[in-house]
Amino acid sequence: MKRLLSLIGTVVLTMVFGVSSAFAQSENYLSIGDSLAAGQTPYRQIDTGYSDLIAMRLGMTGQLSFYTKELAFPGFTTADVLKRVKSEEASDLLANATLITVSAGANDLLRLVQVNPTAGTLAFSQLQTDYALNVVRKNMVEILEELKVRAPKAKVFVMGYYFAYPNVHATQKEGTNAQLIKLNTILQQQAEHAGATYVNVYDAFGLNATNLLPNISDVHPNFEGYRQMANAFLHEYSGSNALAISSNELPKPNPISFEQILEQQEKAEQKKEQEQEQEKPSPAASIIQGFTGYAAFMEKVRAIRS
């Protein structure tokens, strides 16, 4: 099921905003990474995430010409992100990008944490987490080096992570929080070494952000949590709080479930096949509704179902 959700989560929306000619700077913005970059909700849906809010603000100020989060996939580790960055499908997007945010590393670490939300306990193996953090370090070096080559025009921002278990007992938080701090330190060091910018989101959440992480069985934030993340980026991007998003500017929820995403894509595939029954498929036939690599995606979903 986890693998299926990861695959389904690749279906994300592409958004294009008009830009006033009065502004000299116009960003082509790519959101790359895991479920936070894709905008996964605390209830296994896709909706507005931090990158959507960033795009919203830049669009409102006339600083955005293009935005997509189709390179952001729920469940992706740093190894998955590296593979995606190197893929042929990502080449054109990266080549034209002027602004990139990267969320990668949490899935390497948090998948090793055993959580009992009812009992409020956390457990992990130090040996396993040390190994995972070393993998993150190596993969982030490669990811950022690849972005230098494949996205030479882009300003790159590496997003840090928040403490994801505010509901567990206070005595249970220290060990896992220490591993998260190590992860953020690695991300910051590699970002600075590569000439990228690190975005600290940890401070906005702290250890007790139950108001931002409402589902005790899930590590994803609500809209307010994503607003905090977006504002942390916008502060680094602009050097001030001038672009900060207020709570009353948040859009209304419009979530789509993984099941709905799959159903929509299956219908789109059936319609496309009907239209092409008497025509030779074009090279663009695998690109549907902004989802690059759709054909390969459906093959994997069918394999899981069988």
C-alpha atoms as a PDB file:
ATOM      1  CA  MET A   1       0.000   0.000   0.000  1.00  0.00           C
ATOM      2  CA  LYS A   2       2.838   2.401   0.865  1.00  0.00           C
ATOM      3  CA  ARG A   3       4.388   1.845  -2.554  1.00  0.00           C
ATOM      4  CA  LEU A   4       1.035   2.400  -4.259  1.00  0.00           C
ATOM      5  CA  LEU A   5       0.506   5.658  -2.410  1.00  0.00           C
ATOM      6  CA  SER A   6       3.987   6.762  -3.379  1.00  0.00           C
ATOM      7  CA  LEU A   7       3.244   6.094  -7.029  1.00  0.00           C
ATOM      8  CA  ILE A   8      -0.189   7.654  -6.975  1.00  0.00           C
ATOM      9  CA  GLY A   9       1.240  10.678  -5.262  1.00  0.00           C
ATOM     10  CA  THR A  10       3.281  11.475  -8.351  1.00  0.00           C
ATOM     11  CA  VAL A  11       0.165  12.835  -9.989  1.00  0.00           C
ATOM     12  CA  VAL A  12       0.404  16.472  -9.023  1.00  0.00           C
ATOM     13  CA  LEU A  13      -0.894  19.649 -10.541  1.00  0.00           C
ATOM     14  CA  THR A  14       1.055  22.029 -12.777  1.00  0.00           C
ATOM     15  CA  MET A  15       0.257  25.696 -12.345  1.00  0.00           C
ATOM     16  CA  VAL A  16       1.136  28.559 -14.694  1.00  0.00           C
ATOM     17  CA  PHE A  17       0.741  32.168 -13.702  1.00  0.00           C
ATOM     18  CA  GLY A  18       0.687  35.286 -15.878  1.00  0.00           C
ATOM     19  CA  VAL A  19       3.373  37.871 -15.207  1.00  0.00           C
ATOM     20  CA  SER A  20       3.200  41.620 -15.491  1.00  0.00           C
ATOM     21  CA  SER A  21       5.759  43.079 -17.869  1.00  0.00           C
ATOM     22  CA  ALA A  22       6.456  45.697 -15.219  1.00  0.00           C
ATOM     23  CA  PHE A  23       8.605  43.180 -13.351  1.00  0.00           C
ATOM     24  CA  ALA A  24      12.048  42.407 -14.704  1.00  0.00           C
ATOM     25  CA  GLN A  25      12.435  39.210 -12.662  1.00  0.00           C
ATOM     26  CA  SER A  26      10.175  36.285 -13.486  1.00  0.00           C
ATOM     27  CA  GLU A  27      10.756  32.880 -11.958  1.00  0.00           C
ATOM     28  CA  ASN A  28      10.348  29.429 -13.452  1.00  0.00           C
ATOM     29  CA  TYR A  29       9.777  27.569 -10.187  1.00  0.00           C
ATOM     30  CA  LEU A  30      10.271  23.826  -9.635  1.00  0.00           C
ATOM     31  CA  SER A  31       9.343  22.084  -6.413  1.00  0.00           C
ATOM     32  CA  ILE A  32      11.400  18.878  -6.081  1.00  0.00           C
ATOM     33  CA  GLY A  33      11.299  16.184  -3.426  1.00  0.00           C
ATOM     34  CA  ASP A  34       9.017  14.222  -1.145  1.00  0.00           C
ATOM     35  CA  SER A  35       5.421  14.470   0.081  1.00  0.00           C
ATOM     36  CA  LEU A  36       5.978  17.884   1.672  1.00  0.00           C
ATOM     37  CA  ALA A  37       7.013  19.273  -1.691  1.00  0.00           C
ATOM     38  CA  ALA A  38       3.944  17.627  -3.231  1.00  0.00           C
ATOM     39  CA  GLY A  39       1.558  19.047  -0.626  1.00  0.00           C
ATOM     40  CA  GLN A  40       0.362  15.882   1.097  1.00  0.00           C
ATOM     41  CA  THR A  41      -2.204  16.540   3.821  1.00  0.00           C
ATOM     42  CA  PRO A  42      -2.383  14.862   7.257  1.00  0.00           C
ATOM     43  CA  TYR A  43      -5.099  12.618   5.815  1.00  0.00           C
ATOM     44  CA  ARG A  44      -3.382  11.061   2.779  1.00  0.00           C
ATOM     45  CA  GLN A  45      -4.593  13.535   0.207  1.00  0.00           C
ATOM     46  CA  ILE A  46      -2.919  16.075  -2.045  1.00  0.00           C
ATOM     47  CA  ASP A  47      -3.769  19.748  -1.637  1.00  0.00           C
ATOM     48  CA  THR A  48      -2.035  23.098  -1.254  1.00  0.00           C
ATOM     49  CA  GLY A  49       1.465  22.666   0.157  1.00  0.00           C
ATOM     50  CA  TYR A  50       4.298  25.045   0.891  1.00  0.00           C
ATOM     51  CA  SER A  51       5.417  25.204  -2.730  1.00  0.00           C
ATOM     52  CA  ASP A  52       1.893  26.074  -3.893  1.00  0.00           C
ATOM     53  CA  LEU A  53       1.817  28.910  -1.357  1.00  0.00           C
ATOM     54  CA  ILE A  54       5.224  30.132  -2.514  1.00  0.00           C
ATOM     55  CA  ALA A  55       3.982  30.096  -6.098  1.00  0.00           C
ATOM     56  CA  MET A  56       0.795  31.891  -5.029  1.00  0.00           C
ATOM     57  CA  ARG A  57       2.745  34.715  -3.390  1.00  0.00           C
ATOM     58  CA  LEU A  58       5.244  35.096  -6.233  1.00  0.00           C
ATOM     59  CA  GLY A  59       2.375  35.072  -8.712  1.00  0.00           C
ATOM     60  CA  MET A  60       0.540  37.785  -6.786  1.00  0.00           C
ATOM     61  CA  THR A  61       3.629  40.017  -6.876  1.00  0.00           C
ATOM     62  CA  GLY A  62       4.257  39.404 -10.573  1.00  0.00           C
ATOM     63  CA  GLN A  63       7.427  37.395  -9.960  1.00  0.00           C
ATOM     64  CA  LEU A  64       6.332  34.068 -11.419  1.00  0.00           C
ATOM     65  CA  SER A  65       5.916  32.843 -14.975  1.00  0.00           C
ATOM     66  CA  PHE A  66       5.832  29.069 -14.425  1.00  0.00           C
ATOM     67  CA  TYR A  67       5.438  26.618 -11.544  1.00  0.00           C
ATOM     68  CA  THR A  68       5.209  22.858 -11.264  1.00  0.00           C
ATOM     69  CA  LYS A  69       5.507  20.263  -8.536  1.00  0.00           C
ATOM     70  CA  GLU A  70       5.424  17.265 -10.853  1.00  0.00           C
ATOM     71  CA  LEU A  71       8.927  16.322  -9.685  1.00  0.00           C
ATOM     72  CA  ALA A  72       7.657  16.016  -6.106  1.00  0.00           C
ATOM     73  CA  PHE A  73       6.549  12.514  -5.090  1.00  0.00           C
ATOM     74  CA  PRO A  74       5.186  11.298  -1.727  1.00  0.00           C
ATOM     75  CA  GLY A  75       7.437   8.666  -0.182  1.00  0.00           C
ATOM     76  CA  PHE A  76      10.596   9.654  -2.042  1.00  0.00           C
ATOM     77  CA  THR A  77      13.957   9.219  -0.325  1.00  0.00           C
ATOM     78  CA  THR A  78      17.110  11.100  -1.314  1.00  0.00           C
ATOM     79  CA  ALA A  79      17.979   8.192  -3.623  1.00  0.00           C
ATOM     80  CA  ASP A  80      14.620   8.543  -5.382  1.00  0.00           C
ATOM     81  CA  VAL A  81      15.032  12.296  -5.718  1.00  0.00           C
ATOM     82  CA  LEU A  82      18.520  11.856  -7.152  1.00  0.00           C
ATOM     83  CA  LYS A  83      17.227   9.371  -9.720  1.00  0.00           C
ATOM     84  CA  ARG A  84      14.421  11.740 -10.682  1.00  0.00           C
ATOM     85  CA  VAL A  85      16.767  14.704 -11.059  1.00  0.00           C
ATOM     86  CA  LYS A  86      18.941  12.606 -13.376  1.00  0.00           C
ATOM     87  CA  SER A  87      15.985  11.408 -15.471  1.00  0.00           C
ATOM     88  CA  GLU A  88      15.475  12.439 -19.062  1.00  0.00           C
ATOM     89  CA  GLU A  89      11.917  13.490 -18.264  1.00  0.00           C
ATOM     90  CA  ALA A  90      13.174  16.164 -15.883  1.00  0.00           C
ATOM     91  CA  SER A  91      15.763  17.616 -18.270  1.00  0.00           C
ATOM     92  CA  ASP A  92      13.706  20.372 -19.894  1.00  0.00           C
ATOM     93  CA  LEU A  93      12.115  21.465 -16.626  1.00  0.00           C
ATOM     94  CA  LEU A  94      15.495  21.741 -14.941  1.00  0.00           C
ATOM     95  CA  ALA A  95      17.158  23.480 -17.873  1.00  0.00           C
ATOM     96  CA  ASN A  96      14.561  26.250 -17.804  1.00  0.00           C
ATOM     97  CA  ALA A  97      14.248  26.563 -14.033  1.00  0.00           C
ATOM     98  CA  THR A  98      15.330  29.757 -12.300  1.00  0.00           C
ATOM     99  CA  LEU A  99      14.105  28.779  -8.831  1.00  0.00           C
ATOM    100  CA  ILE A 100      14.144  25.337  -7.176  1.00  0.00           C
ATOM    101  CA  THR A 101      13.152  24.125  -3.723  1.00  0.00           C
ATOM    102  CA  VAL A 102      14.282  20.674  -2.580  1.00  0.00           C
ATOM    103  CA  SER A 103      12.702  18.606   0.201  1.00  0.00           C
ATOM    104  CA  ALA A 104      14.658  15.384   0.644  1.00  0.00           C
ATOM    105  CA  GLY A 105      15.946  13.360   3.573  1.00  0.00           C
ATOM    106  CA  ALA A 106      13.046  12.868   5.965  1.00  0.00           C
ATOM    107  CA  ASN A 107      11.921   9.582   4.420  1.00  0.00           C
ATOM    108  CA  ASP A 108      15.445   8.184   4.728  1.00  0.00           C
ATOM    109  CA  LEU A 109      15.265   8.807   8.467  1.00  0.00           C
ATOM    110  CA  LEU A 110      11.641   8.669   9.613  1.00  0.00           C
ATOM    111  CA  ARG A 111      10.896   5.315   8.018  1.00  0.00           C
ATOM    112  CA  LEU A 112      13.275   3.877  10.652  1.00  0.00           C
ATOM    113  CA  VAL A 113      11.322   5.387  13.555  1.00  0.00           C
ATOM    114  CA  GLN A 114       8.760   3.071  15.138  1.00  0.00           C
ATOM    115  CA  VAL A 115       5.820   5.107  16.363  1.00  0.00           C
ATOM    116  CA  ASN A 116       2.987   4.091  18.663  1.00  0.00           C
ATOM    117  CA  PRO A 117       0.714   7.149  18.518  1.00  0.00           C
ATOM    118  CA  THR A 118      -1.753   5.745  21.025  1.00  0.00           C
ATOM    119  CA  ALA A 119       0.895   5.006  23.627  1.00  0.00           C
ATOM    120  CA  GLY A 120       2.877   8.107  22.664  1.00  0.00           C
ATOM    121  CA  THR A 121       6.171   6.281  22.208  1.00  0.00           C
ATOM    122  CA  LEU A 122       9.038   6.388  19.697  1.00  0.00           C
ATOM    123  CA  ALA A 123      11.818   3.877  19.066  1.00  0.00           C
ATOM    124  CA  PHE A 124      14.701   3.585  16.609  1.00  0.00           C
ATOM    125  CA  SER A 125      18.042   1.869  16.116  1.00  0.00           C
ATOM    126  CA  GLN A 126      20.987   4.248  16.406  1.00  0.00           C
ATOM    127  CA  LEU A 127      23.051   2.108  14.046  1.00  0.00           C
ATOM    128  CA  GLN A 128      20.363   2.234  11.364  1.00  0.00           C
ATOM    129  CA  THR A 129      19.798   5.967  11.697  1.00  0.00           C
ATOM    130  CA  ASP A 130      23.530   6.704  11.550  1.00  0.00           C
ATOM    131  CA  TYR A 131      23.725   4.730   8.315  1.00  0.00           C
ATOM    132  CA  ALA A 132      20.661   6.487   6.894  1.00  0.00           C
ATOM    133  CA  LEU A 133      22.049   9.917   7.712  1.00  0.00           C
ATOM    134  CA  ASN A 134      25.300   9.069   5.974  1.00  0.00           C
ATOM    135  CA  VAL A 135      23.314   8.033   2.900  1.00  0.00           C
ATOM    136  CA  VAL A 136      21.484  11.359   3.025  1.00  0.00           C
ATOM    137  CA  ARG A 137      24.799  13.193   3.147  1.00  0.00           C
ATOM    138  CA  LYS A 138      26.167  11.373   0.093  1.00  0.00           C
ATOM    139  CA  ASN A 139      22.972  11.670  -1.931  1.00  0.00           C
ATOM    140  CA  MET A 140      22.503  15.368  -1.169  1.00  0.00           C
ATOM    141  CA  VAL A 141      26.008  16.032  -2.455  1.00  0.00           C
ATOM    142  CA  GLU A 142      25.056  14.354  -5.730  1.00  0.00           C
ATOM    143  CA  ILE A 143      21.614  15.984  -5.949  1.00  0.00           C
ATOM    144  CA  LEU A 144      23.047  19.472  -5.559  1.00  0.00           C
ATOM    145  CA  GLU A 145      25.894  18.772  -7.970  1.00  0.00           C
ATOM    146  CA  GLU A 146      23.400  17.477 -10.545  1.00  0.00           C
ATOM    147  CA  LEU A 147      21.290  20.591 -10.136  1.00  0.00           C
ATOM    148  CA  LYS A 148      24.326  22.774 -10.780  1.00  0.00           C
ATOM    149  CA  VAL A 149      24.787  21.024 -14.118  1.00  0.00           C
ATOM    150  CA  ARG A 150      21.168  20.431 -15.145  1.00  0.00           C
ATOM    151  CA  ALA A 151      19.679  23.647 -13.784  1.00  0.00           C
ATOM    152  CA  PRO A 152      22.467  26.189 -14.307  1.00  0.00           C
ATOM    153  CA  LYS A 153      20.121  29.206 -14.149  1.00  0.00           C
ATOM    154  CA  ALA A 154      18.391  28.189 -10.921  1.00  0.00           C
ATOM    155  CA  LYS A 155      18.686  29.511  -7.409  1.00  0.00           C
ATOM    156  CA  VAL A 156      18.420  26.400  -5.216  1.00  0.00           C
ATOM    157  CA  PHE A 157      16.875  26.343  -1.748  1.00  0.00           C
ATOM    158  CA  VAL A 158      17.135  23.242   0.459  1.00  0.00           C
ATOM    159  CA  MET A 159      14.208  22.936   2.852  1.00  0.00           C
ATOM    160  CA  GLY A 160      14.880  21.748   6.374  1.00  0.00           C
ATOM    161  CA  TYR A 161      12.482  19.636   8.445  1.00  0.00           C
ATOM    162  CA  TYR A 162      10.347  20.037  11.554  1.00  0.00           C
ATOM    163  CA  PHE A 163       9.891  17.670  14.500  1.00  0.00           C
ATOM    164  CA  ALA A 164       7.042  15.450  13.320  1.00  0.00           C
ATOM    165  CA  TYR A 165       5.846  13.841  16.583  1.00  0.00           C
ATOM    166  CA  PRO A 166       4.460  16.560  18.873  1.00  0.00           C
ATOM    167  CA  ASN A 167       1.880  14.220  20.430  1.00  0.00           C
ATOM    168  CA  VAL A 168       4.277  11.694  21.970  1.00  0.00           C
ATOM    169  CA  HIS A 169       5.338  11.886  25.601  1.00  0.00           C
ATOM    170  CA  ALA A 170       7.947  14.529  26.371  1.00  0.00           C
ATOM    171  CA  THR A 171      10.378  11.863  27.569  1.00  0.00           C
ATOM    172  CA  GLN A 172      10.152  10.175  24.158  1.00  0.00           C
ATOM    173  CA  LYS A 173      11.041  13.214  22.072  1.00  0.00           C
ATOM    174  CA  GLU A 174      14.700  13.788  22.910  1.00  0.00           C
ATOM    175  CA  GLY A 175      16.283  10.872  21.036  1.00  0.00           C
ATOM    176  CA  THR A 176      14.345  11.246  17.777  1.00  0.00           C
ATOM    177  CA  ASN A 177      14.674  15.030  17.891  1.00  0.00           C
ATOM    178  CA  ALA A 178      18.457  14.641  18.147  1.00  0.00           C
ATOM    179  CA  GLN A 179      18.428  12.590  14.923  1.00  0.00           C
ATOM    180  CA  LEU A 180      16.307  15.240  13.199  1.00  0.00           C
ATOM    181  CA  ILE A 181      18.748  17.952  14.236  1.00  0.00           C
ATOM    182  CA  LYS A 182      21.552  15.862  12.714  1.00  0.00           C
ATOM    183  CA  LEU A 183      19.533  15.586   9.493  1.00  0.00           C
ATOM    184  CA  ASN A 184      18.972  19.337   9.333  1.00  0.00           C
ATOM    185  CA  THR A 185      22.648  19.962  10.044  1.00  0.00           C
ATOM    186  CA  ILE A 186      23.614  17.724   7.128  1.00  0.00           C
ATOM    187  CA  LEU A 187      21.152  19.488   4.819  1.00  0.00           C
ATOM    188  CA  GLN A 188      22.439  22.901   5.863  1.00  0.00           C
ATOM    189  CA  GLN A 189      26.090  21.929   5.468  1.00  0.00           C
ATOM    190  CA  GLN A 190      25.591  20.428   2.031  1.00  0.00           C
ATOM    191  CA  ALA A 191      23.485  23.366   0.876  1.00  0.00           C
ATOM    192  CA  GLU A 192      26.113  25.881   1.947  1.00  0.00           C
ATOM    193  CA  HIS A 193      28.918  23.815   0.436  1.00  0.00           C
ATOM    194  CA  ALA A 194      27.075  23.726  -2.910  1.00  0.00           C
ATOM    195  CA  GLY A 195      26.258  27.424  -2.905  1.00  0.00           C
ATOM    196  CA  ALA A 196      22.566  26.790  -2.239  1.00  0.00           C
ATOM    197  CA  THR A 197      20.438  28.320   0.533  1.00  0.00           C
ATOM    198  CA  TYR A 198      19.187  26.341   3.524  1.00  0.00           C
ATOM    199  CA  VAL A 199      15.690  27.116   4.817  1.00  0.00           C
ATOM    200  CA  ASN A 200      15.128  26.549   8.542  1.00  0.00           C
ATOM    201  CA  VAL A 201      11.555  25.412   9.239  1.00  0.00           C
ATOM    202  CA  TYR A 202      12.367  23.655  12.522  1.00  0.00           C
ATOM    203  CA  ASP A 203      12.107  26.784  14.665  1.00  0.00           C
ATOM    204  CA  ALA A 204       8.587  27.593  13.452  1.00  0.00           C
ATOM    205  CA  PHE A 205       7.326  24.214  14.706  1.00  0.00           C
ATOM    206  CA  GLY A 206       9.350  23.350  17.785  1.00  0.00           C
ATOM    207  CA  LEU A 207       8.610  20.141  19.682  1.00  0.00           C
ATOM    208  CA  ASN A 208       4.944  20.693  20.533  1.00  0.00           C
ATOM    209  CA  ALA A 209       3.256  21.901  17.337  1.00  0.00           C
ATOM    210  CA  THR A 210       0.041  19.915  17.722  1.00  0.00           C
ATOM    211  CA  ASN A 211      -1.824  22.826  16.084  1.00  0.00           C
ATOM    212  CA  LEU A 212       0.262  22.376  12.913  1.00  0.00           C
ATOM    213  CA  LEU A 213       0.325  18.557  12.924  1.00  0.00           C
ATOM    214  CA  PRO A 214      -3.253  17.583  13.824  1.00  0.00           C
ATOM    215  CA  ASN A 215      -3.238  13.862  13.012  1.00  0.00           C
ATOM    216  CA  ILE A 216      -1.391  11.882  15.681  1.00  0.00           C
ATOM    217  CA  SER A 217      -0.903   9.046  13.176  1.00  0.00           C
ATOM    218  CA  ASP A 218       0.548  11.195  10.394  1.00  0.00           C
ATOM    219  CA  VAL A 219       3.609  13.424  10.029  1.00  0.00           C
ATOM    220  CA  HIS A 220       2.237  15.906   7.480  1.00  0.00           C
ATOM    221  CA  PRO A 221       1.205  19.464   8.411  1.00  0.00           C
ATOM    222  CA  ASN A 222      -2.070  21.279   7.860  1.00  0.00           C
ATOM    223  CA  PHE A 223      -2.432  24.490   5.832  1.00  0.00           C
ATOM    224  CA  GLU A 224      -1.099  26.574   8.702  1.00  0.00           C
ATOM    225  CA  GLY A 225       1.966  24.352   8.937  1.00  0.00           C
ATOM    226  CA  TYR A 226       2.613  24.709   5.227  1.00  0.00           C
ATOM    227  CA  ARG A 227       2.163  28.478   5.615  1.00  0.00           C
ATOM    228  CA  GLN A 228       4.931  28.497   8.202  1.00  0.00           C
ATOM    229  CA  MET A 229       7.184  26.590   5.806  1.00  0.00           C
ATOM    230  CA  ALA A 230       6.365  28.897   2.890  1.00  0.00           C
ATOM    231  CA  ASN A 231       7.063  31.977   4.990  1.00  0.00           C
ATOM    232  CA  ALA A 232      10.410  30.569   6.113  1.00  0.00           C
ATOM    233  CA  PHE A 233      11.345  30.233   2.445  1.00  0.00           C
ATOM    234  CA  LEU A 234       9.980  33.666   1.478  1.00  0.00           C
ATOM    235  CA  HIS A 235      12.065  35.266   4.220  1.00  0.00           C
ATOM    236  CA  GLU A 236      15.238  33.648   2.881  1.00  0.00           C
ATOM    237  CA  TYR A 237      14.255  34.453  -0.700  1.00  0.00           C
ATOM    238  CA  SER A 238      13.514  38.140  -0.136  1.00  0.00           C
ATOM    239  CA  GLY A 239      15.709  38.876   2.872  1.00  0.00           C
ATOM    240  CA  SER A 240      12.743  40.256   4.815  1.00  0.00           C
ATOM    241  CA  ASN A 241       9.151  39.520   5.831  1.00  0.00           C
ATOM    242  CA  ALA A 242       7.744  41.643   3.015  1.00  0.00           C
ATOM    243  CA  LEU A 243       6.402  38.605   1.137  1.00  0.00           C
ATOM    244  CA  ALA A 244       5.029  36.807   4.192  1.00  0.00           C
ATOM    245  CA  ILE A 245       1.640  35.118   3.765  1.00  0.00           C
ATOM    246  CA  SER A 246      -0.977  35.789   6.447  1.00  0.00           C
ATOM    247  CA  SER A 247      -3.418  33.179   7.713  1.00  0.00           C
ATOM    248  CA  ASN A 248      -6.391  34.915   6.098  1.00  0.00           C
ATOM    249  CA  GLU A 249      -4.726  34.603   2.690  1.00  0.00           C
ATOM    250  CA  LEU A 250      -4.730  30.802   2.762  1.00  0.00           C
ATOM    251  CA  PRO A 251      -6.881  29.229   0.026  1.00  0.00           C
ATOM    252  CA  LYS A 252      -9.872  27.068   0.837  1.00  0.00           C
ATOM    253  CA  PRO A 253      -9.118  23.340   1.134  1.00  0.00           C
ATOM    254  CA  ASN A 254      -9.558  21.448  -2.106  1.00  0.00           C
ATOM    255  CA  PRO A 255      -8.055  18.018  -1.393  1.00  0.00           C
ATOM    256  CA  ILE A 256      -7.931  15.143  -3.828  1.00  0.00           C
ATOM    257  CA  SER A 257      -7.439  11.592  -2.596  1.00  0.00           C
ATOM    258  CA  PHE A 258      -4.952   9.142  -4.060  1.00  0.00           C
ATOM    259  CA  GLU A 259      -7.879   7.014  -5.187  1.00  0.00           C
ATOM    260  CA  GLN A 260      -9.449   9.978  -6.995  1.00  0.00           C
ATOM    261  CA  ILE A 261      -6.151  10.779  -8.667  1.00  0.00           C
ATOM    262  CA  LEU A 262      -5.854   7.219  -9.936  1.00  0.00           C
ATOM    263  CA  GLU A 263      -9.455   7.196 -11.149  1.00  0.00           C
ATOM    264  CA  GLN A 264      -8.997  10.456 -13.032  1.00  0.00           C
ATOM    265  CA  GLN A 265      -5.846   9.209 -14.693  1.00  0.00           C
ATOM    266  CA  GLU A 266      -7.472   5.927 -15.708  1.00  0.00           C
ATOM    267  CA  LYS A 267     -10.350   7.824 -17.315  1.00  0.00           C
ATOM    268  CA  ALA A 268      -7.911  10.083 -19.104  1.00  0.00           C
ATOM    269  CA  GLU A 269      -6.024   7.038 -20.378  1.00  0.00           C
ATOM    270  CA  GLN A 270      -9.199   5.399 -21.682  1.00  0.00           C
ATOM    271  CA  LYS A 271     -10.242   8.582 -23.463  1.00  0.00           C
ATOM    272  CA  LYS A 272      -6.788   8.964 -24.994  1.00  0.00           C
ATOM    273  CA  GLU A 273      -6.802   5.369 -26.223  1.00  0.00           C
ATOM    274  CA  GLN A 274     -10.204   5.852 -27.847  1.00  0.00           C
ATOM    275  CA  GLU A 275      -9.041   8.989 -29.624  1.00  0.00           C
ATOM    276  CA  GLN A 276      -5.928   7.258 -30.919  1.00  0.00           C
ATOM    277  CA  GLU A 277      -7.494   3.992 -32.075  1.00  0.00           C
ATOM    278  CA  GLN A 278      -7.059   4.937 -35.701  1.00  0.00           C
ATOM    279  CA  GLU A 279      -4.063   7.198 -35.270  1.00  0.00           C
ATOM    280  CA  LYS A 280      -0.399   6.513 -34.692  1.00  0.00           C
ATOM    281  CA  PRO A 281       0.539   7.489 -31.109  1.00  0.00           C
ATOM    282  CA  SER A 282       2.629  10.624 -30.917  1.00  0.00           C
ATOM    283  CA  PRO A 283       5.715  10.981 -28.666  1.00  0.00           C
ATOM    284  CA  ALA A 284       3.660  13.249 -26.397  1.00  0.00           C
ATOM    285  CA  ALA A 285       1.051  10.579 -25.732  1.00  0.00           C
ATOM    286  CA  SER A 286       2.656   9.718 -22.391  1.00  0.00           C
ATOM    287  CA  ILE A 287       2.196  13.256 -21.058  1.00  0.00           C
ATOM    288  CA  ILE A 288      -1.279  13.812 -19.634  1.00  0.00           C
ATOM    289  CA  GLN A 289      -2.471  16.747 -17.525  1.00  0.00           C
ATOM    290  CA  GLY A 290       1.051  17.842 -16.667  1.00  0.00           C
ATOM    291  CA  PHE A 291       2.124  14.389 -15.503  1.00  0.00           C
ATOM    292  CA  THR A 292       5.337  13.363 -17.210  1.00  0.00           C
ATOM    293  CA  GLY A 293       5.865   9.630 -17.512  1.00  0.00           C
ATOM    294  CA  TYR A 294       2.213   8.744 -17.124  1.00  0.00           C
ATOM    295  CA  ALA A 295       2.438   5.531 -19.174  1.00  0.00           C
ATOM    296  CA  ALA A 296       5.213   4.116 -16.984  1.00  0.00           C
ATOM    297  CA  PHE A 297       3.262   5.109 -13.899  1.00  0.00           C
ATOM    298  CA  MET A 298       0.164   3.188 -14.985  1.00  0.00           C
ATOM    299  CA  GLU A 299       2.221   0.092 -15.783  1.00  0.00           C
ATOM    300  CA  LYS A 300       3.580   0.066 -12.226  1.00  0.00           C
ATOM    301  CA  VAL A 301       0.118   0.582 -10.727  1.00  0.00           C
ATOM    302  CA  ARG A 302      -1.273  -2.343 -12.743  1.00  0.00           C
ATOM    303  CA  ALA A 303       1.634  -4.502 -11.590  1.00  0.00           C
ATOM    304  CA  ILE A 304       0.869  -3.713  -7.939  1.00  0.00           C
ATOM    305  CA  ARG A 305      -2.826  -4.453  -8.429  1.00  0.00           C
ATOM    306  CA  SER A 306      -2.208  -7.818 -10.070  1.00  0.00           C
END
